[in-house]
PDB file of N, CA and C in Angstrom:
ATOM      1  N   MET A   1       5.013   8.049 -12.568  1.00  0.00           N
ATOM      2  CA  MET A   1       5.879   6.927 -12.248  1.00  0.00           C
ATOM      3  C   MET A   1       6.500   7.153 -10.883  1.00  0.00           C
ATOM      4  N   PHE A   2       6.853   6.090 -10.209  1.00  0.00           N
ATOM      5  CA  PHE A   2       7.442   6.205  -8.891  1.00  0.00           C
ATOM      6  C   PHE A   2       8.786   5.522  -8.862  1.00  0.00           C
ATOM      7  N   GLN A   3       9.591   5.927  -7.905  1.00  0.00           N
ATOM      8  CA  GLN A   3      10.930   5.363  -7.761  1.00  0.00           C
ATOM      9  C   GLN A   3      10.850   4.008  -7.055  1.00  0.00           C
ATOM     10  N   THR A   4      11.471   3.017  -7.617  1.00  0.00           N
ATOM     11  CA  THR A   4      11.466   1.680  -7.030  1.00  0.00           C
ATOM     12  C   THR A   4      12.498   1.605  -5.909  1.00  0.00           C
ATOM     13  N   THR A   5      12.023   1.277  -4.716  1.00  0.00           N
ATOM     14  CA  THR A   5      12.900   1.140  -3.554  1.00  0.00           C
ATOM     15  C   THR A   5      13.001  -0.333  -3.181  1.00  0.00           C
ATOM     16  N   THR A   6      13.853  -0.631  -2.229  1.00  0.00           N
ATOM     17  CA  THR A   6      13.983  -2.006  -1.748  1.00  0.00           C
ATOM     18  C   THR A   6      12.656  -2.492  -1.180  1.00  0.00           C
ATOM     19  N   ALA A   7      11.966  -1.623  -0.434  1.00  0.00           N
ATOM     20  CA  ALA A   7      10.671  -2.002   0.150  1.00  0.00           C
ATOM     21  C   ALA A   7       9.663  -2.333  -0.945  1.00  0.00           C
ATOM     22  N   ILE A   8       9.612  -1.545  -1.995  1.00  0.00           N
ATOM     23  CA  ILE A   8       8.674  -1.790  -3.102  1.00  0.00           C
ATOM     24  C   ILE A   8       9.021  -3.102  -3.796  1.00  0.00           C
ATOM     25  N   LYS A   9      10.293  -3.383  -3.969  1.00  0.00           N
ATOM     26  CA  LYS A   9      10.692  -4.658  -4.576  1.00  0.00           C
ATOM     27  C   LYS A   9      10.204  -5.831  -3.745  1.00  0.00           C
ATOM     28  N   LYS A  10      10.342  -5.731  -2.420  1.00  0.00           N
ATOM     29  CA  LYS A  10       9.874  -6.801  -1.539  1.00  0.00           C
ATOM     30  C   LYS A  10       8.357  -6.938  -1.609  1.00  0.00           C
ATOM     31  N   LEU A  11       7.654  -5.814  -1.630  1.00  0.00           N
ATOM     32  CA  LEU A  11       6.195  -5.837  -1.682  1.00  0.00           C
ATOM     33  C   LEU A  11       5.682  -6.460  -2.972  1.00  0.00           C
ATOM     34  N   THR A  12       6.325  -6.187  -4.074  1.00  0.00           N
ATOM     35  CA  THR A  12       5.863  -6.729  -5.351  1.00  0.00           C
ATOM     36  C   THR A  12       6.103  -8.237  -5.458  1.00  0.00           C
ATOM     37  N   LYS A  13       6.993  -8.760  -4.625  1.00  0.00           N
ATOM     38  CA  LYS A  13       7.249 -10.198  -4.640  1.00  0.00           C
ATOM     39  C   LYS A  13       6.238 -10.990  -3.824  1.00  0.00           C
ATOM     40  N   LEU A  14       5.433 -10.312  -2.994  1.00  0.00           N
ATOM     41  CA  LEU A  14       4.416 -11.012  -2.212  1.00  0.00           C
ATOM     42  C   LEU A  14       3.368 -11.570  -3.160  1.00  0.00           C
ATOM     43  N   GLU A  15       3.080 -12.867  -3.055  1.00  0.00           N
ATOM     44  CA  GLU A  15       2.211 -13.512  -4.025  1.00  0.00           C
ATOM     45  C   GLU A  15       0.818 -13.851  -3.505  1.00  0.00           C
ATOM     46  N   LYS A  16       0.604 -13.817  -2.205  1.00  0.00           N
ATOM     47  CA  LYS A  16      -0.705 -14.169  -1.663  1.00  0.00           C
ATOM     48  C   LYS A  16      -1.731 -13.093  -2.002  1.00  0.00           C
ATOM     49  N   ARG A  17      -3.000 -13.510  -2.054  1.00  0.00           N
ATOM     50  CA  ARG A  17      -4.083 -12.586  -2.376  1.00  0.00           C
ATOM     51  C   ARG A  17      -4.191 -11.471  -1.332  1.00  0.00           C
ATOM     52  N   ILE A  18      -4.102 -11.840  -0.067  1.00  0.00           N
ATOM     53  CA  ILE A  18      -4.132 -10.865   1.020  1.00  0.00           C
ATOM     54  C   ILE A  18      -2.705 -10.682   1.512  1.00  0.00           C
ATOM     55  N   LYS A  19      -2.253  -9.443   1.487  1.00  0.00           N
ATOM     56  CA  LYS A  19      -0.876  -9.150   1.872  1.00  0.00           C
ATOM     57  C   LYS A  19      -0.871  -8.367   3.180  1.00  0.00           C
ATOM     58  N   VAL A  20      -0.135  -8.836   4.146  1.00  0.00           N
ATOM     59  CA  VAL A  20      -0.008  -8.165   5.426  1.00  0.00           C
ATOM     60  C   VAL A  20       1.388  -7.575   5.487  1.00  0.00           C
ATOM     61  N   VAL A  21       1.440  -6.267   5.716  1.00  0.00           N
ATOM     62  CA  VAL A  21       2.726  -5.575   5.770  1.00  0.00           C
ATOM     63  C   VAL A  21       2.862  -4.962   7.158  1.00  0.00           C
ATOM     64  N   ARG A  22       3.830  -5.428   7.898  1.00  0.00           N
ATOM     65  CA  ARG A  22       4.042  -4.955   9.260  1.00  0.00           C
ATOM     66  C   ARG A  22       5.284  -4.086   9.329  1.00  0.00           C
ATOM     67  N   GLY A  23       5.284  -3.220  10.314  1.00  0.00           N
ATOM     68  CA  GLY A  23       6.444  -2.378  10.543  1.00  0.00           C
ATOM     69  C   GLY A  23       6.085  -1.246  11.472  1.00  0.00           C
ATOM     70  N   GLY A  24       7.077  -0.590  11.978  1.00  0.00           N
ATOM     71  CA  GLY A  24       6.857   0.491  12.918  1.00  0.00           C
ATOM     72  C   GLY A  24       6.403   1.767  12.245  1.00  0.00           C
ATOM     73  N   THR A  25       6.108   2.753  13.075  1.00  0.00           N
ATOM     74  CA  THR A  25       5.725   4.070  12.587  1.00  0.00           C
ATOM     75  C   THR A  25       6.863   4.646  11.757  1.00  0.00           C
ATOM     76  N   SER A  26       6.522   5.306  10.678  1.00  0.00           N
ATOM     77  CA  SER A  26       7.491   5.940   9.776  1.00  0.00           C
ATOM     78  C   SER A  26       8.420   4.930   9.110  1.00  0.00           C
ATOM     79  N   ALA A  27       7.934   3.713   8.923  1.00  0.00           N
ATOM     80  CA  ALA A  27       8.754   2.681   8.275  1.00  0.00           C
ATOM     81  C   ALA A  27       8.646   2.749   6.751  1.00  0.00           C
ATOM     82  N   GLY A  28       7.792   3.620   6.221  1.00  0.00           N
ATOM     83  CA  GLY A  28       7.658   3.757   4.778  1.00  0.00           C
ATOM     84  C   GLY A  28       6.686   2.780   4.151  1.00  0.00           C
ATOM     85  N   LYS A  29       5.902   2.104   4.963  1.00  0.00           N
ATOM     86  CA  LYS A  29       4.966   1.105   4.425  1.00  0.00           C
ATOM     87  C   LYS A  29       3.952   1.745   3.480  1.00  0.00           C
ATOM     88  N   THR A  30       3.319   2.813   3.941  1.00  0.00           N
ATOM     89  CA  THR A  30       2.275   3.447   3.138  1.00  0.00           C
ATOM     90  C   THR A  30       2.846   3.988   1.836  1.00  0.00           C
ATOM     91  N   PHE A  31       3.975   4.669   1.908  1.00  0.00           N
ATOM     92  CA  PHE A  31       4.569   5.231   0.701  1.00  0.00           C
ATOM     93  C   PHE A  31       5.054   4.154  -0.257  1.00  0.00           C
ATOM     94  N   GLY A  32       5.354   2.979   0.249  1.00  0.00           N
ATOM     95  CA  GLY A  32       5.735   1.870  -0.614  1.00  0.00           C
ATOM     96  C   GLY A  32       4.540   1.174  -1.233  1.00  0.00           C
ATOM     97  N   ILE A  33       3.449   1.086  -0.480  1.00  0.00           N
ATOM     98  CA  ILE A  33       2.273   0.348  -0.930  1.00  0.00           C
ATOM     99  C   ILE A  33       1.391   1.162  -1.877  1.00  0.00           C
ATOM    100  N   LEU A  34       1.183   2.444  -1.581  1.00  0.00           N
ATOM    101  CA  LEU A  34       0.257   3.252  -2.381  1.00  0.00           C
ATOM    102  C   LEU A  34       0.594   3.309  -3.876  1.00  0.00           C
ATOM    103  N   PRO A  35       1.846   3.488  -4.277  1.00  0.00           N
ATOM    104  CA  PRO A  35       2.131   3.476  -5.717  1.00  0.00           C
ATOM    105  C   PRO A  35       1.828   2.135  -6.379  1.00  0.00           C
ATOM    106  N   ILE A  36       2.045   1.055  -5.637  1.00  0.00           N
ATOM    107  CA  ILE A  36       1.752  -0.278  -6.166  1.00  0.00           C
ATOM    108  C   ILE A  36       0.248  -0.427  -6.368  1.00  0.00           C
ATOM    109  N   LEU A  37      -0.530   0.017  -5.375  1.00  0.00           N
ATOM    110  CA  LEU A  37      -1.988  -0.072  -5.483  1.00  0.00           C
ATOM    111  C   LEU A  37      -2.527   0.819  -6.597  1.00  0.00           C
ATOM    112  N   ALA A  38      -1.985   2.016  -6.739  1.00  0.00           N
ATOM    113  CA  ALA A  38      -2.425   2.918  -7.805  1.00  0.00           C
ATOM    114  C   ALA A  38      -2.132   2.311  -9.170  1.00  0.00           C
ATOM    115  N   SER A  39      -0.976   1.700  -9.319  1.00  0.00           N
ATOM    116  CA  SER A  39      -0.613   1.049 -10.572  1.00  0.00           C
ATOM    117  C   SER A  39      -1.540  -0.121 -10.866  1.00  0.00           C
ATOM    118  N   LYS A  40      -1.829  -0.913  -9.849  1.00  0.00           N
ATOM    119  CA  LYS A  40      -2.719  -2.063 -10.013  1.00  0.00           C
ATOM    120  C   LYS A  40      -4.139  -1.604 -10.357  1.00  0.00           C
ATOM    121  N   ALA A  41      -4.600  -0.532  -9.711  1.00  0.00           N
ATOM    122  CA  ALA A  41      -5.945   0.000  -9.976  1.00  0.00           C
ATOM    123  C   ALA A  41      -6.064   0.495 -11.412  1.00  0.00           C
ATOM    124  N   ALA A  42      -5.010   1.099 -11.937  1.00  0.00           N
ATOM    125  CA  ALA A  42      -5.023   1.568 -13.321  1.00  0.00           C
ATOM    126  C   ALA A  42      -5.021   0.393 -14.299  1.00  0.00           C
ATOM    127  N   LYS A  43      -4.315  -0.656 -13.949  1.00  0.00           N
ATOM    128  CA  LYS A  43      -4.209  -1.822 -14.821  1.00  0.00           C
ATOM    129  C   LYS A  43      -5.477  -2.672 -14.800  1.00  0.00           C
ATOM    130  N   TYR A  44      -6.122  -2.769 -13.639  1.00  0.00           N
ATOM    131  CA  TYR A  44      -7.334  -3.578 -13.467  1.00  0.00           C
ATOM    132  C   TYR A  44      -8.447  -2.698 -12.879  1.00  0.00           C
ATOM    133  N   PRO A  45      -9.116  -1.887 -13.698  1.00  0.00           N
ATOM    134  CA  PRO A  45     -10.076  -0.903 -13.179  1.00  0.00           C
ATOM    135  C   PRO A  45     -11.293  -1.496 -12.475  1.00  0.00           C
ATOM    136  N   ASN A  46     -11.661  -2.721 -12.736  1.00  0.00           N
ATOM    137  CA  ASN A  46     -12.835  -3.317 -12.095  1.00  0.00           C
ATOM    138  C   ASN A  46     -12.505  -4.113 -10.838  1.00  0.00           C
ATOM    139  N   GLN A  47     -11.254  -4.101 -10.419  1.00  0.00           N
ATOM    140  CA  GLN A  47     -10.844  -4.842  -9.238  1.00  0.00           C
ATOM    141  C   GLN A  47     -11.009  -3.964  -7.995  1.00  0.00           C
ATOM    142  N   GLU A  48     -11.525  -4.552  -6.922  1.00  0.00           N
ATOM    143  CA  GLU A  48     -11.688  -3.811  -5.668  1.00  0.00           C
ATOM    144  C   GLU A  48     -10.425  -3.951  -4.827  1.00  0.00           C
ATOM    145  N   ILE A  49      -9.929  -2.833  -4.346  1.00  0.00           N
ATOM    146  CA  ILE A  49      -8.724  -2.812  -3.520  1.00  0.00           C
ATOM    147  C   ILE A  49      -9.096  -2.176  -2.189  1.00  0.00           C
ATOM    148  N   SER A  50      -8.768  -2.840  -1.091  1.00  0.00           N
ATOM    149  CA  SER A  50      -9.078  -2.318   0.239  1.00  0.00           C
ATOM    150  C   SER A  50      -7.790  -2.034   0.997  1.00  0.00           C
ATOM    151  N   VAL A  51      -7.758  -0.894   1.651  1.00  0.00           N
ATOM    152  CA  VAL A  51      -6.681  -0.554   2.572  1.00  0.00           C
ATOM    153  C   VAL A  51      -7.338  -0.451   3.936  1.00  0.00           C
ATOM    154  N   VAL A  52      -6.908  -1.261   4.878  1.00  0.00           N
ATOM    155  CA  VAL A  52      -7.564  -1.312   6.179  1.00  0.00           C
ATOM    156  C   VAL A  52      -6.575  -0.977   7.294  1.00  0.00           C
ATOM    157  N   SER A  53      -7.158  -0.590   8.416  1.00  0.00           N
ATOM    158  CA  SER A  53      -6.377  -0.281   9.600  1.00  0.00           C
ATOM    159  C   SER A  53      -7.211  -0.645  10.813  1.00  0.00           C
ATOM    160  N   GLU A  54      -6.643  -0.490  11.990  1.00  0.00           N
ATOM    161  CA  GLU A  54      -7.374  -0.855  13.200  1.00  0.00           C
ATOM    162  C   GLU A  54      -8.513   0.105  13.496  1.00  0.00           C
ATOM    163  N   SER A  55      -8.482   1.321  12.939  1.00  0.00           N
ATOM    164  CA  SER A  55      -9.563   2.275  13.173  1.00  0.00           C
ATOM    165  C   SER A  55      -9.588   3.319  12.064  1.00  0.00           C
ATOM    166  N   VAL A  56     -10.721   3.999  11.927  1.00  0.00           N
ATOM    167  CA  VAL A  56     -10.866   5.051  10.912  1.00  0.00           C
ATOM    168  C   VAL A  56      -9.896   6.207  11.176  1.00  0.00           C
ATOM    169  N   PRO A  57      -9.720   6.663  12.414  1.00  0.00           N
ATOM    170  CA  PRO A  57      -8.735   7.734  12.635  1.00  0.00           C
ATOM    171  C   PRO A  57      -7.325   7.366  12.164  1.00  0.00           C
ATOM    172  N   HIS A  58      -6.945   6.087  12.345  1.00  0.00           N
ATOM    173  CA  HIS A  58      -5.629   5.657  11.852  1.00  0.00           C
ATOM    174  C   HIS A  58      -5.558   5.766  10.331  1.00  0.00           C
ATOM    175  N   LEU A  59      -6.639   5.389   9.651  1.00  0.00           N
ATOM    176  CA  LEU A  59      -6.670   5.516   8.186  1.00  0.00           C
ATOM    177  C   LEU A  59      -6.597   6.971   7.754  1.00  0.00           C
ATOM    178  N   ARG A  60      -7.337   7.832   8.425  1.00  0.00           N
ATOM    179  CA  ARG A  60      -7.350   9.261   8.070  1.00  0.00           C
ATOM    180  C   ARG A  60      -5.972   9.887   8.244  1.00  0.00           C
ATOM    181  N   ARG A  61      -5.307   9.560   9.334  1.00  0.00           N
ATOM    182  CA  ARG A  61      -3.981  10.141   9.591  1.00  0.00           C
ATOM    183  C   ARG A  61      -2.887   9.473   8.764  1.00  0.00           C
ATOM    184  N   GLY A  62      -3.166   8.283   8.267  1.00  0.00           N
ATOM    185  CA  GLY A  62      -2.142   7.521   7.548  1.00  0.00           C
ATOM    186  C   GLY A  62      -2.382   7.455   6.056  1.00  0.00           C
ATOM    187  N   ALA A  63      -2.989   6.355   5.615  1.00  0.00           N
ATOM    188  CA  ALA A  63      -3.120   6.070   4.184  1.00  0.00           C
ATOM    189  C   ALA A  63      -3.908   7.127   3.422  1.00  0.00           C
ATOM    190  N   LEU A  64      -5.030   7.572   3.959  1.00  0.00           N
ATOM    191  CA  LEU A  64      -5.837   8.572   3.240  1.00  0.00           C
ATOM    192  C   LEU A  64      -5.075   9.891   3.081  1.00  0.00           C
ATOM    193  N   LYS A  65      -4.422  10.322   4.136  1.00  0.00           N
ATOM    194  CA  LYS A  65      -3.634  11.565   4.094  1.00  0.00           C
ATOM    195  C   LYS A  65      -2.476  11.438   3.100  1.00  0.00           C
ATOM    196  N   ASP A  66      -1.787  10.322   3.148  1.00  0.00           N
ATOM    197  CA  ASP A  66      -0.633  10.115   2.266  1.00  0.00           C
ATOM    198  C   ASP A  66      -1.040  10.005   0.800  1.00  0.00           C
ATOM    199  N   PHE A  67      -2.192   9.375   0.556  1.00  0.00           N
ATOM    200  CA  PHE A  67      -2.639   9.214  -0.814  1.00  0.00           C
ATOM    201  C   PHE A  67      -3.034  10.551  -1.413  1.00  0.00           C
TER     202      PHE A  67
END
């Protein structure tokens, strides 16, 4: 289980299929999004979830490392 923060509350209220989350470096976006995605993946195992970035190095240093 993860601790619910203000950022996570805001993220869970986003209703569109594609969610764009903007913010500066060290804004906590990845740490807020990853628990939500992990929970969704456990609840819907056949659903495809994509985490994208402007480049593979950004993904490696960011979301993949944090996950």
